Amino acid sequence: MGLCNAKLSVKNYFRFPAQRGSGSTGARWLIGLLVFVLALLGGNLSGVAADTHRPGVSTEGLLNFDRLVQIALSQSPYLTKSALEIEIRRMDETDSRFGMIPPVTFRSYYYVNQPRDVGGLSTRPYSLSFNMEPYNPLGSYLTLQAQKLASQMAILAHLKVISEGLKNLGKLFLDLGTLKRLAAYQTDLVSLARESLTYAENRQSIGTGTSLEVRLAAQELELARSEQERLRHTEKRTLGQLRSFLGLKAETNLNLDLRDAGRQVLGSFDPAAATLAQTKDRSYDLKLLELKKDLQGYNVALAKSKIFPSLLFTTQTPDPLSLNSSHGLYVGFGLEVPVWDGFSRIRNVSRQKAVLKQYGAEKDLKEMDLSDQWEAEQGELQEAAASWKMARSQEELARLKERQAEIRYQSGGVQLPAYLEGRKGILDAQKSVAVKAMGYHAAVLKLRLISGDLGHSYVDQSAWQK
């Protein structure tokens, strides 16, 4: 036999009592039984192929962050692929359920040049047979259990995609809120620059100023307008990204409620109350690796099951080419026993056990990476909080200086440019506070994602179970 695979089939044949017309009656009975079983099982297919499309959420009215989350969960194209993966895995699971029933093949032959009667024996010009493919009931059961775990893994992967998508949505919402505040401050800066230019032009017209002062003021106004235009384009681009994420058309008008955007995005999440233990307990990555270990355990058992023989079954009418005058259906059972395969099945068991150990090591490594990531995010959060606090202190300092300049200007101690410079300083400080606040809220949002609170707050994992 060499190194090729060889299989030994052993069959025991049983014969139904031969009766007049029993062949055609038995064949019709088996065909009817097969059709009935397939029809009974096929009723479940409608649930598998059901349309999972959910109606979109209206974009009319004022849209806060929670409304945007509802729209994203309903129709975001960024969540479609992982959602379809769940349906694919569930169809694979359904295939495995059907695989618990041995596959049966119907074969028929009709001989055009009909055999002649030999010795008065009457033969029929056709033969019918039902043959069952090699069937391993233990392997079918283990495959079904593995497919169930694969479906659970697809659900967890989808929930992970949802959490990351909500984090991106929250970041866009924070950016838009910050851009709105920056645009308002920049409008005031443009007004100040215009006022400063008017003052310089008036001074030049009465001979107390120079053309250089006018050019400087004009350049400051041009810079302020350029920054205003940049903010406008950035806001437009961010809105486009938001529409794209939500699966909306480019011309869709969004009336966003950006008041206190940080509070809307972060909700009641308290970064000080988040713990590493909670993070590990809710981590989708760790849950996926745990399911991978369980799935690989079934793969080990499945590799072992392939060592055992497979079952065979057949039922057929007599071959018209044989010298046999009998009629009816003959039923046979047997075993298919692998004889030689180069010990590949034995090595496959060892291979699957090694992969199982790999998943265990991968989970331990992921736990360490998650701990390192947790510490890094805590450090980033503290830095962002310190920067925000420093920016608020600088804003207060700028406010005091602006008040001081205003008093001096009203008392005639300084000229208008000094007072306008004080007002410009407080606006620049307020812009810095807005940027640092967004950085802090973004850091808290990342911590909320890692801790699992973001996905846990908006998505019920049990709702995805069937």
Protein backbone atom coordinates (compact mmCIF):
# COMPACT_ATOMS: atom_id res chain seq x y z
CA MET A 1 0.00 0.00 0.00
CA GLY A 2 2.99 2.31 0.35
CA LEU A 3 2.42 5.60 2.16
CA CYS A 4 -1.01 6.24 0.66
CA ASN A 5 -4.14 6.15 2.79
CA ALA A 6 -6.03 2.88 2.81
CA LYS A 7 -9.49 2.25 4.26
CA LEU A 8 -11.16 -1.04 5.02
CA SER A 9 -14.95 -1.32 4.70
CA VAL A 10 -16.77 -4.20 6.40
CA LYS A 11 -20.52 -4.58 5.67
CA ASN A 12 -23.20 -6.94 6.95
CA TYR A 13 -26.16 -7.23 4.62
CA PHE A 14 -29.76 -7.81 5.59
CA ARG A 15 -32.64 -8.47 3.23
CA PHE A 16 -36.23 -7.44 3.54
CA PRO A 17 -38.63 -10.30 2.82
CA ALA A 18 -39.13 -10.48 -0.95
CA GLN A 19 -42.71 -9.78 -1.94
CA ARG A 20 -44.36 -9.05 -5.21
CA GLY A 21 -43.78 -5.39 -6.00
CA SER A 22 -41.89 -4.86 -2.77
CA GLY A 23 -38.94 -3.21 -4.58
CA SER A 24 -40.91 -0.27 -5.93
CA THR A 25 -42.98 0.03 -2.73
CA GLY A 26 -39.88 0.05 -0.52
CA ALA A 27 -38.16 2.62 -2.72
CA ARG A 28 -41.17 4.91 -2.61
CA TRP A 29 -41.33 4.48 1.17
CA LEU A 30 -37.69 5.45 1.64
CA ILE A 31 -37.97 8.43 -0.72
CA GLY A 32 -41.06 9.65 1.12
CA LEU A 33 -39.35 9.28 4.49
CA LEU A 34 -36.30 11.20 3.25
CA VAL A 35 -38.43 14.03 1.88
CA PHE A 36 -40.38 14.23 5.14
CA VAL A 37 -37.22 14.47 7.27
CA LEU A 38 -35.70 17.13 5.03
CA ALA A 39 -38.92 19.14 5.05
CA LEU A 40 -39.11 18.90 8.84
CA LEU A 41 -35.55 20.12 9.29
CA GLY A 42 -35.75 22.66 6.50
CA GLY A 43 -38.33 24.64 8.45
CA ASN A 44 -35.51 26.05 10.55
CA LEU A 45 -33.80 27.62 7.54
CA SER A 46 -36.23 30.53 7.46
CA GLY A 47 -34.90 31.69 10.82
CA VAL A 48 -31.33 31.47 9.59
CA ALA A 49 -31.89 33.40 6.39
CA ALA A 50 -34.10 36.03 8.02
CA ASP A 51 -33.38 39.61 7.15
CA THR A 52 -31.52 41.20 10.02
CA HIS A 53 -31.83 44.76 8.73
CA ARG A 54 -33.16 47.12 11.36
CA PRO A 55 -35.06 50.28 10.45
CA GLY A 56 -32.96 53.44 10.58
CA VAL A 57 -33.36 56.05 13.31
CA SER A 58 -34.67 59.46 12.25
CA THR A 59 -32.11 62.27 12.02
CA GLU A 60 -34.74 64.99 12.42
CA GLY A 61 -34.59 67.37 15.35
CA LEU A 62 -31.78 68.10 17.77
CA LEU A 63 -29.29 65.24 17.92
CA ASN A 64 -27.39 64.61 21.13
CA PHE A 65 -24.77 61.91 21.59
CA ASP A 66 -27.24 59.22 22.64
CA ARG A 67 -29.30 59.80 19.48
CA LEU A 68 -26.16 59.49 17.39
CA VAL A 69 -25.35 56.20 19.12
CA GLN A 70 -28.79 54.88 18.20
CA ILE A 71 -28.28 55.89 14.57
CA ALA A 72 -24.84 54.27 14.48
CA LEU A 73 -26.07 51.00 15.98
CA SER A 74 -28.93 50.96 13.49
CA GLN A 75 -27.17 51.68 10.20
CA SER A 76 -23.46 52.41 10.48
CA PRO A 77 -21.60 50.69 7.62
CA TYR A 78 -18.58 50.27 9.88
CA LEU A 79 -20.56 47.76 11.96
CA THR A 80 -22.01 45.81 9.03
CA LYS A 81 -19.14 43.43 8.32
CA SER A 82 -18.86 42.08 11.86
CA ALA A 83 -22.66 41.81 12.11
CA LEU A 84 -22.76 39.74 8.92
CA GLU A 85 -20.00 37.55 10.31
CA ILE A 86 -22.40 36.56 13.10
CA GLU A 87 -24.98 35.47 10.53
CA ILE A 88 -22.34 33.48 8.64
CA ARG A 89 -21.25 31.70 11.80
CA ARG A 90 -24.84 30.92 12.72
CA MET A 91 -25.39 29.43 9.28
CA ASP A 92 -22.26 27.34 9.84
CA GLU A 93 -23.78 26.27 13.15
CA THR A 94 -26.99 25.31 11.35
CA ASP A 95 -24.96 23.26 8.86
CA SER A 96 -23.40 21.43 11.79
CA ARG A 97 -26.85 20.73 13.25
CA PHE A 98 -27.88 19.17 9.96
CA GLY A 99 -24.57 17.32 10.01
CA MET A 100 -25.81 15.39 13.04
CA ILE A 101 -27.99 13.50 10.55
CA PRO A 102 -25.89 11.27 8.29
CA PRO A 103 -25.77 12.52 4.68
CA VAL A 104 -27.57 10.17 2.31
CA THR A 105 -27.07 9.97 -1.46
CA PHE A 106 -29.63 8.51 -3.88
CA ARG A 107 -28.31 6.80 -6.99
CA SER A 108 -30.21 5.20 -9.85
CA TYR A 109 -29.10 3.50 -13.05
CA TYR A 110 -31.20 2.66 -16.06
CA TYR A 111 -29.61 0.37 -18.63
CA VAL A 112 -30.48 1.37 -22.19
CA ASN A 113 -29.43 -1.95 -23.63
CA GLN A 114 -31.55 -3.97 -21.31
CA PRO A 115 -30.09 -7.25 -20.01
CA ARG A 116 -31.58 -10.37 -21.51
CA ASP A 117 -33.22 -13.02 -19.47
CA VAL A 118 -30.75 -15.76 -18.60
CA GLY A 119 -32.05 -19.19 -17.79
CA GLY A 120 -35.58 -17.90 -17.39
CA LEU A 121 -34.53 -15.41 -14.74
CA SER A 122 -36.36 -12.10 -15.04
CA THR A 123 -34.30 -8.97 -14.46
CA ARG A 124 -35.22 -5.32 -14.36
CA PRO A 125 -33.33 -2.73 -16.45
CA TYR A 126 -32.71 -0.39 -13.50
CA SER A 127 -31.20 -0.28 -10.03
CA LEU A 128 -31.86 2.03 -7.07
CA SER A 129 -29.69 2.68 -4.02
CA PHE A 130 -29.47 4.94 -1.00
CA ASN A 131 -25.94 5.29 0.37
CA MET A 132 -24.85 7.02 3.55
CA GLU A 133 -21.51 8.83 3.50
CA PRO A 134 -19.01 7.72 6.15
CA TYR A 135 -20.50 9.02 9.40
CA ASN A 136 -18.76 9.68 12.71
CA PRO A 137 -21.44 10.64 15.29
CA LEU A 138 -18.89 11.76 17.87
CA GLY A 139 -17.12 13.94 15.31
CA SER A 140 -20.43 15.48 14.22
CA TYR A 141 -21.32 16.31 17.82
CA LEU A 142 -17.92 17.90 18.50
CA THR A 143 -18.13 19.90 15.27
CA LEU A 144 -21.53 21.26 16.34
CA GLN A 145 -20.19 22.32 19.74
CA ALA A 146 -17.20 23.98 18.08
CA GLN A 147 -19.48 25.90 15.71
CA LYS A 148 -21.52 27.12 18.68
CA LEU A 149 -18.35 28.54 20.20
CA ALA A 150 -17.45 30.09 16.84
CA SER A 151 -20.82 31.87 16.85
CA GLN A 152 -20.13 33.19 20.35
CA MET A 153 -16.73 34.41 19.20
CA ALA A 154 -18.32 36.25 16.28
CA ILE A 155 -20.72 37.94 18.71
CA LEU A 156 -17.88 39.04 20.98
CA ALA A 157 -15.87 40.29 18.00
CA HIS A 158 -18.89 42.32 16.87
CA LEU A 159 -19.36 43.79 20.35
CA LYS A 160 -15.69 44.76 20.33
CA VAL A 161 -16.15 46.50 16.98
CA ILE A 162 -19.21 48.30 18.37
CA SER A 163 -17.24 49.53 21.40
CA GLU A 164 -14.39 50.79 19.25
CA GLY A 165 -16.90 52.40 16.88
CA LEU A 166 -18.64 54.18 19.77
CA LYS A 167 -15.26 55.42 20.93
CA ASN A 168 -14.59 56.87 17.48
CA LEU A 169 -18.07 58.39 17.44
CA GLY A 170 -17.45 59.95 20.85
CA LYS A 171 -14.13 61.38 19.66
CA LEU A 172 -15.84 62.98 16.64
CA PHE A 173 -18.53 64.44 18.91
CA LEU A 174 -15.88 65.86 21.27
CA ASP A 175 -13.98 67.32 18.32
CA LEU A 176 -17.10 69.02 16.99
CA GLY A 177 -17.91 70.43 20.42
CA THR A 178 -14.39 71.78 20.76
CA LEU A 179 -14.39 73.19 17.22
CA LYS A 180 -17.63 75.03 17.93
CA ARG A 181 -16.10 76.70 20.98
CA LEU A 182 -12.88 77.49 19.14
CA ALA A 183 -14.84 79.01 16.27
CA ALA A 184 -16.69 81.29 18.70
CA TYR A 185 -13.43 82.41 20.32
CA GLN A 186 -11.84 82.92 16.90
CA THR A 187 -14.73 85.13 15.81
CA ASP A 188 -14.01 87.35 18.79
CA LEU A 189 -10.31 87.36 17.88
CA VAL A 190 -11.18 88.47 14.35
CA SER A 191 -13.27 91.29 15.80
CA LEU A 192 -10.39 92.36 18.03
CA ALA A 193 -7.97 92.29 15.09
CA ARG A 194 -10.37 94.38 13.03
CA GLU A 195 -10.74 96.85 15.89
CA SER A 196 -6.97 97.04 16.22
CA LEU A 197 -6.62 97.71 12.48
CA THR A 198 -9.22 100.47 12.62
CA TYR A 199 -7.37 102.09 15.51
CA ALA A 200 -4.05 101.93 13.61
CA GLU A 201 -5.63 103.42 10.48
CA ASN A 202 -7.17 106.27 12.50
CA ARG A 203 -3.83 107.00 14.12
CA GLN A 204 -2.16 107.07 10.72
CA SER A 205 -4.85 109.38 9.32
CA ILE A 206 -4.24 111.97 12.04
CA GLY A 207 -0.47 111.66 11.78
CA THR A 208 0.23 109.95 15.12
CA GLY A 209 0.76 106.49 13.67
CA THR A 210 2.89 104.90 11.01
CA SER A 211 2.17 102.75 8.00
CA LEU A 212 4.15 99.96 9.66
CA GLU A 213 1.63 99.82 12.50
CA VAL A 214 -1.17 99.56 9.94
CA ARG A 215 0.58 96.76 8.11
CA LEU A 216 1.17 94.87 11.36
CA ALA A 217 -2.49 95.19 12.34
CA ALA A 218 -3.61 94.15 8.86
CA GLN A 219 -1.38 91.09 8.99
CA GLU A 220 -2.79 90.12 12.40
CA LEU A 221 -6.30 90.41 10.96
CA GLU A 222 -5.31 88.25 8.01
CA LEU A 223 -3.87 85.59 10.32
CA ALA A 224 -7.01 85.62 12.46
CA ARG A 225 -9.20 85.20 9.39
CA SER A 226 -7.00 82.37 8.08
CA GLU A 227 -7.33 80.55 11.40
CA GLN A 228 -11.08 81.11 11.28
CA GLU A 229 -11.21 79.59 7.80
CA ARG A 230 -9.06 76.65 8.90
CA LEU A 231 -11.42 75.92 11.78
CA ARG A 232 -14.37 76.10 9.40
CA HIS A 233 -12.80 73.56 7.02
CA THR A 234 -11.83 71.29 9.93
CA GLU A 235 -15.39 71.36 11.23
CA LYS A 236 -16.73 70.60 7.75
CA ARG A 237 -14.35 67.66 7.37
CA THR A 238 -15.24 66.31 10.82
CA LEU A 239 -18.94 66.55 10.02
CA GLY A 240 -18.28 64.61 6.83
CA GLN A 241 -16.53 61.91 8.82
CA LEU A 242 -19.47 61.80 11.21
CA ARG A 243 -21.98 61.39 8.35
CA SER A 244 -19.82 58.68 6.83
CA PHE A 245 -19.63 56.78 10.11
CA LEU A 246 -23.38 57.05 10.59
CA GLY A 247 -24.07 55.86 7.05
CA LEU A 248 -25.75 59.13 6.04
CA LYS A 249 -25.64 60.92 2.73
CA ALA A 250 -23.31 63.89 2.32
CA GLU A 251 -26.22 66.30 1.92
CA THR A 252 -27.90 65.18 5.17
CA ASN A 253 -28.29 68.08 7.55
CA LEU A 254 -27.27 67.35 11.16
CA ASN A 255 -28.54 69.60 13.93
CA LEU A 256 -26.19 68.60 16.73
CA ASP A 257 -26.67 69.37 20.41
CA LEU A 258 -23.04 70.03 21.37
CA ARG A 259 -23.73 71.61 24.74
CA ASP A 260 -21.46 70.07 27.35
CA ALA A 261 -20.20 67.49 24.86
CA GLY A 262 -17.80 65.95 27.38
CA ARG A 263 -20.59 65.14 29.82
CA GLN A 264 -22.74 63.67 27.02
CA VAL A 265 -19.98 61.37 25.80
CA LEU A 266 -18.64 60.26 29.18
CA GLY A 267 -22.01 59.98 30.90
CA SER A 268 -21.74 58.86 34.52
CA PHE A 269 -18.38 57.14 34.02
CA ASP A 270 -15.98 57.89 36.87
CA PRO A 271 -12.36 57.20 35.91
CA ALA A 272 -11.38 57.06 39.57
CA ALA A 273 -13.82 54.21 40.18
CA ALA A 274 -12.58 52.08 37.27
CA THR A 275 -10.37 49.16 38.28
CA LEU A 276 -8.02 46.81 36.49
CA ALA A 277 -10.00 43.80 37.75
CA GLN A 278 -13.16 45.18 36.15
CA THR A 279 -11.24 45.85 32.96
CA LYS A 280 -10.03 42.26 32.74
CA ASP A 281 -13.49 40.93 33.56
CA ARG A 282 -15.08 42.93 30.72
CA SER A 283 -12.25 42.66 28.20
CA TYR A 284 -13.51 41.33 24.88
CA ASP A 285 -9.98 40.25 23.95
CA LEU A 286 -9.66 38.05 27.04
CA LYS A 287 -13.13 36.61 26.51
CA LEU A 288 -12.26 35.81 22.90
CA LEU A 289 -9.05 34.08 23.92
CA GLU A 290 -10.93 32.06 26.52
CA LEU A 291 -13.41 30.94 23.85
CA LYS A 292 -10.50 30.14 21.56
CA LYS A 293 -9.10 27.85 24.26
CA ASP A 294 -12.48 26.13 24.62
CA LEU A 295 -12.77 25.82 20.86
CA GLN A 296 -9.30 24.35 20.61
CA GLY A 297 -10.29 21.84 23.30
CA TYR A 298 -13.02 20.62 20.95
CA ASN A 299 -10.46 20.50 18.13
CA VAL A 300 -8.32 18.20 20.26
CA ALA A 301 -11.29 15.93 20.93
CA LEU A 302 -12.26 16.05 17.24
CA ALA A 303 -8.75 15.00 16.25
CA LYS A 304 -9.05 12.03 18.62
CA SER A 305 -12.47 11.09 17.23
CA LYS A 306 -10.99 10.68 13.75
CA ILE A 307 -9.03 7.70 15.03
CA PHE A 308 -12.24 5.71 15.47
CA PRO A 309 -14.10 3.96 12.61
CA SER A 310 -16.91 5.65 10.68
CA LEU A 311 -20.33 4.12 10.17
CA LEU A 312 -21.65 3.07 6.75
CA PHE A 313 -25.16 2.34 5.57
CA THR A 314 -26.68 1.43 2.21
CA THR A 315 -29.92 0.10 0.81
CA GLN A 316 -30.28 -0.92 -2.82
CA THR A 317 -32.12 -3.05 -5.30
CA PRO A 318 -30.40 -6.02 -6.98
CA ASP A 319 -28.00 -5.27 -9.79
CA PRO A 320 -29.69 -6.23 -13.08
CA LEU A 321 -26.33 -7.30 -14.48
CA SER A 322 -26.04 -10.03 -11.88
CA LEU A 323 -27.71 -13.43 -12.26
CA ASN A 324 -30.19 -12.78 -9.52
CA SER A 325 -33.93 -13.06 -9.85
CA SER A 326 -34.68 -11.58 -6.44
CA HIS A 327 -36.59 -8.35 -6.02
CA GLY A 328 -36.79 -5.89 -3.16
CA LEU A 329 -34.46 -3.64 -1.16
CA TYR A 330 -31.31 -4.90 0.51
CA VAL A 331 -30.02 -3.06 3.58
CA GLY A 332 -26.38 -3.09 4.61
CA PHE A 333 -24.45 -1.70 7.57
CA GLY A 334 -20.70 -1.47 7.91
CA LEU A 335 -17.62 0.25 9.24
CA GLU A 336 -14.95 2.28 7.48
CA VAL A 337 -11.65 1.75 9.29
CA PRO A 338 -8.54 3.77 8.38
CA VAL A 339 -5.69 1.28 8.06
CA TRP A 340 -2.66 3.37 7.19
CA ASP A 341 -2.16 7.13 6.97
CA GLY A 342 1.43 7.54 8.04
CA PHE A 343 0.34 8.19 11.66
CA SER A 344 -0.91 11.63 10.60
CA ARG A 345 -3.99 11.34 12.83
CA ILE A 346 -1.83 10.61 15.87
CA ARG A 347 0.42 13.58 15.11
CA ASN A 348 -2.62 15.79 14.55
CA VAL A 349 -3.76 15.12 18.13
CA SER A 350 -0.35 16.26 19.41
CA ARG A 351 -0.49 19.26 17.08
CA GLN A 352 -3.89 20.36 18.38
CA LYS A 353 -2.71 20.00 21.98
CA ALA A 354 0.29 22.22 21.20
CA VAL A 355 -2.02 24.85 19.71
CA LEU A 356 -4.13 24.68 22.88
CA LYS A 357 -1.04 25.47 24.93
CA GLN A 358 -0.31 28.39 22.61
CA TYR A 359 -3.71 29.90 23.29
CA GLY A 360 -3.12 29.56 27.02
CA ALA A 361 0.19 31.40 26.73
CA GLU A 362 -1.42 34.01 24.47
CA LYS A 363 -4.08 34.72 27.07
CA ASP A 364 -1.47 35.17 29.81
CA LEU A 365 0.45 37.55 27.54
CA LYS A 366 -2.73 39.49 26.74
CA GLU A 367 -3.45 39.93 30.45
CA MET A 368 0.02 41.41 30.93
CA ASP A 369 -0.43 43.68 27.90
CA LEU A 370 -3.79 44.81 29.25
CA SER A 371 -2.20 45.65 32.60
CA ASP A 372 0.53 47.67 30.84
CA GLN A 373 -2.07 49.44 28.71
CA TRP A 374 -4.11 50.22 31.81
CA GLU A 375 -1.11 51.81 33.51
CA ALA A 376 -0.26 53.77 30.37
CA GLU A 377 -3.79 55.12 30.06
CA GLN A 378 -3.81 56.08 33.73
CA GLY A 379 -0.59 58.01 33.19
CA GLU A 380 -1.96 59.69 30.07
CA LEU A 381 -5.12 60.62 31.95
CA GLN A 382 -3.16 62.21 34.78
CA GLU A 383 -1.05 64.18 32.31
CA ALA A 384 -4.16 65.39 30.49
CA ALA A 385 -5.76 66.41 33.79
CA ALA A 386 -2.62 68.33 34.80
CA SER A 387 -2.49 70.10 31.41
CA TRP A 388 -6.16 71.06 31.67
CA LYS A 389 -5.64 72.39 35.18
CA MET A 390 -2.63 74.43 34.05
CA ALA A 391 -4.61 75.85 31.13
CA ARG A 392 -7.38 76.94 33.48
CA SER A 393 -4.81 78.63 35.72
CA GLN A 394 -3.37 80.43 32.70
CA GLU A 395 -6.87 81.50 31.74
CA GLU A 396 -7.41 82.97 35.18
CA LEU A 397 -4.07 84.76 34.96
CA ALA A 398 -5.00 86.15 31.55
CA ARG A 399 -8.34 87.28 32.94
CA LEU A 400 -6.60 89.18 35.74
CA LYS A 401 -4.21 90.79 33.29
CA GLU A 402 -7.11 91.76 31.05
CA ARG A 403 -8.88 93.34 34.02
CA GLN A 404 -5.71 95.20 34.93
CA ALA A 405 -5.32 96.49 31.36
CA GLU A 406 -8.95 97.56 31.30
CA ILE A 407 -8.55 99.60 34.50
CA ARG A 408 -5.40 101.26 33.19
CA TYR A 409 -7.04 102.02 29.86
CA GLN A 410 -10.07 103.60 31.48
CA SER A 411 -7.82 105.68 33.72
CA GLY A 412 -5.75 106.79 30.73
CA GLY A 413 -2.63 104.94 31.82
CA VAL A 414 -2.34 102.88 28.62
CA GLN A 415 -3.54 103.13 25.05
CA LEU A 416 -6.22 101.01 23.39
CA PRO A 417 -3.75 98.47 21.89
CA ALA A 418 -2.64 97.44 25.37
CA TYR A 419 -6.25 96.83 26.40
CA LEU A 420 -6.96 94.90 23.17
CA GLU A 421 -3.87 92.81 23.77
CA GLY A 422 -5.22 91.87 27.19
CA ARG A 423 -8.52 90.80 25.66
CA LYS A 424 -6.64 88.81 23.00
CA GLY A 425 -4.64 87.08 25.72
CA ILE A 426 -7.75 85.88 27.54
CA LEU A 427 -9.29 84.59 24.28
CA ASP A 428 -6.10 82.69 23.47
CA ALA A 429 -6.16 81.24 26.99
CA GLN A 430 -9.79 80.18 26.57
CA LYS A 431 -8.90 78.43 23.31
CA SER A 432 -6.11 76.59 25.10
CA VAL A 433 -8.53 75.53 27.86
CA ALA A 434 -10.96 74.18 25.24
CA VAL A 435 -8.21 72.14 23.56
CA LYS A 436 -6.87 70.78 26.87
CA ALA A 437 -10.39 69.93 28.03
CA MET A 438 -10.95 67.96 24.84
CA GLY A 439 -7.65 66.15 25.42
CA TYR A 440 -8.73 65.22 28.94
CA HIS A 441 -12.17 64.03 27.83
CA ALA A 442 -10.55 62.00 25.03
CA ALA A 443 -8.23 60.34 27.58
CA VAL A 444 -11.21 59.51 29.82
CA LEU A 445 -13.04 58.14 26.77
CA LYS A 446 -10.13 55.82 25.99
CA LEU A 447 -10.12 54.63 29.58
CA ARG A 448 -13.88 54.07 29.38
CA LEU A 449 -13.32 51.94 26.28
CA ILE A 450 -10.55 49.86 27.86
CA SER A 451 -12.50 49.35 31.08
CA GLY A 452 -15.43 47.93 29.09
CA ASP A 453 -17.87 50.51 30.44
CA LEU A 454 -18.51 52.06 27.01
CA GLY A 455 -19.75 48.90 25.32
CA HIS A 456 -21.46 47.66 28.49
CA SER A 457 -23.48 50.90 28.78
CA TYR A 458 -24.93 50.84 25.27
CA VAL A 459 -25.07 47.18 24.21
CA ASP A 460 -26.67 44.25 26.01
CA GLN A 461 -24.59 41.18 25.19
CA SER A 462 -27.41 38.80 26.10
CA ALA A 463 -29.60 40.36 23.38
CA TRP A 464 -27.27 38.87 20.76
CA GLN A 465 -27.69 35.35 22.09
CA LYS A 466 -30.10 32.98 20.40
